Amino acid sequence: MAKGYWIGRVDVTDPEVYKEYVKLNAAPIAAHGGRFLVRGGEFVPSIGSARERNVVIEFPSYQAALDCWHSEGYQAALKVRLPVSVSEQLIIEGYDGPQPGDTTAG
C-alpha cells in the first residue's frame, strides 16, 4: 500500500498565531501516523515562485492522510492557521513502482 503525503508551501503573516496552529495540529497528525519529513528548513527555489515555509508530512497510507485532513482536530487547527497564512497544500498518494536504475524490475 502506498504511503500518503501532505505537501504544503506557506507564507505566515502572524508568527505568534501560527505557533498555536503548530500546537493544535500535533495531536491529529500523530493520531493518524503522520511524521514530518520536511518542516521549514533551508531551500533553494529552482523553478517558479517560493513561499517562506515548506512542509512534507508522510502518512502510512493515502487514506490516513485524507482521514487526518478531514479529522475534527485538524480542521480546528486549520481554522487557526487560515487567517494568518497564505498557502498551497495538497494531499498525494506515494509511488511504489520501479525506480531509475532499479535492476530488479523484470
Protein backbone atom coordinates (compact mmCIF):
# COMPACT_ATOMS: atom_id res chain seq x y z
CA MET A 1 0.00 0.00 0.00
CA ALA A 2 1.40 3.39 -1.00
CA LYS A 3 2.04 5.98 1.66
CA GLY A 4 0.25 9.32 1.66
CA TYR A 5 1.79 12.77 1.88
CA TRP A 6 0.80 16.32 2.65
CA ILE A 7 2.87 18.86 0.77
CA GLY A 8 2.48 22.47 1.83
CA ARG A 9 4.01 25.81 0.95
CA VAL A 10 3.16 28.59 3.37
CA ASP A 11 3.74 32.30 3.96
CA VAL A 12 2.91 33.25 7.55
CA THR A 13 1.56 36.72 8.32
CA ASP A 14 1.34 36.32 12.14
CA PRO A 15 4.02 34.02 13.60
CA GLU A 16 2.54 34.08 17.12
CA VAL A 17 -0.86 32.80 15.99
CA TYR A 18 0.85 30.30 13.70
CA LYS A 19 2.61 28.82 16.75
CA GLU A 20 -0.85 28.00 18.14
CA TYR A 21 -1.69 26.18 14.90
CA VAL A 22 1.51 24.13 15.26
CA LYS A 23 0.48 23.11 18.79
CA LEU A 24 -3.05 22.20 17.67
CA ASN A 25 -2.01 20.14 14.65
CA ALA A 26 0.35 17.85 16.58
CA ALA A 27 -2.28 15.53 18.07
CA PRO A 28 -4.29 14.82 14.89
CA ILE A 29 -1.16 14.33 12.80
CA ALA A 30 0.29 11.90 15.37
CA ALA A 31 -3.05 10.09 15.74
CA HIS A 32 -3.03 9.34 12.01
CA GLY A 33 0.59 8.15 11.96
CA GLY A 34 1.98 11.30 10.36
CA ARG A 35 5.62 12.29 10.58
CA PHE A 36 7.40 15.35 9.27
CA LEU A 37 9.94 14.77 6.51
CA VAL A 38 10.36 18.48 5.80
CA ARG A 39 9.41 21.23 8.24
CA GLY A 40 10.76 24.60 7.22
CA GLY A 41 14.47 24.37 6.62
CA GLU A 42 16.83 25.90 4.15
CA PHE A 43 15.86 25.68 0.48
CA VAL A 44 16.70 26.98 -2.97
CA PRO A 45 13.80 27.93 -5.25
CA SER A 46 14.79 26.26 -8.51
CA ILE A 47 11.74 26.94 -10.72
CA GLY A 48 8.74 29.20 -10.13
CA SER A 49 7.76 31.16 -7.07
CA ALA A 50 8.56 30.21 -3.48
CA ARG A 51 6.93 30.60 -0.09
CA GLU A 52 8.80 31.09 3.18
CA ARG A 53 7.93 27.66 4.66
CA ASN A 54 7.77 24.25 3.02
CA VAL A 55 6.35 21.17 4.72
CA VAL A 56 6.13 17.49 3.77
CA ILE A 57 4.33 15.11 6.11
CA GLU A 58 4.35 11.36 5.48
CA PHE A 59 1.42 9.13 6.49
CA PRO A 60 1.30 5.33 6.49
CA SER A 61 -1.29 5.43 3.68
CA TYR A 62 -3.07 7.82 1.37
CA GLN A 63 -6.28 7.10 3.29
CA ALA A 64 -4.61 8.05 6.60
CA ALA A 65 -3.51 11.35 5.02
CA LEU A 66 -7.08 12.04 3.88
CA ASP A 67 -8.55 10.99 7.23
CA CYS A 68 -6.20 13.30 9.12
CA TRP A 69 -7.10 16.23 6.88
CA HIS A 70 -10.81 15.68 7.45
CA SER A 71 -10.47 14.98 11.18
CA GLU A 72 -12.16 17.28 13.66
CA GLY A 73 -8.83 18.01 15.36
CA TYR A 74 -7.03 19.07 12.19
CA GLN A 75 -9.95 21.13 10.92
CA ALA A 76 -9.92 23.02 14.26
CA ALA A 77 -6.18 23.68 13.83
CA LEU A 78 -6.71 24.79 10.23
CA LYS A 79 -9.25 27.40 11.33
CA VAL A 80 -6.47 28.99 13.39
CA ARG A 81 -3.96 28.91 10.53
CA LEU A 82 -6.02 30.13 7.59
CA PRO A 83 -6.47 33.76 8.73
CA VAL A 84 -2.71 34.17 9.31
CA SER A 85 -1.25 32.45 6.26
CA VAL A 86 -1.29 32.19 2.50
CA SER A 87 -0.60 28.69 1.24
CA GLU A 88 -0.91 25.88 -1.22
CA GLN A 89 -1.36 22.40 0.16
CA LEU A 90 -2.04 19.07 -1.43
CA ILE A 91 -2.60 15.51 -0.34
CA ILE A 92 -0.95 13.00 -2.65
CA GLU A 93 -0.55 9.25 -2.90
CA GLY A 94 3.02 7.97 -2.80
CA TYR A 95 4.64 5.89 -5.52
CA ASP A 96 5.70 2.26 -5.01
CA GLY A 97 6.77 1.42 -8.57
CA PRO A 98 10.16 0.89 -10.21
CA GLN A 99 12.86 3.50 -9.70
CA PRO A 100 15.58 4.73 -12.06
CA GLY A 101 18.44 2.25 -12.09
CA ASP A 102 16.28 -0.46 -10.50
CA THR A 103 17.70 -3.73 -11.82
CA THR A 104 15.11 -5.88 -10.03
CA ALA A 105 12.27 -4.81 -12.35
CA GLY A 106 11.52 -7.61 -14.76
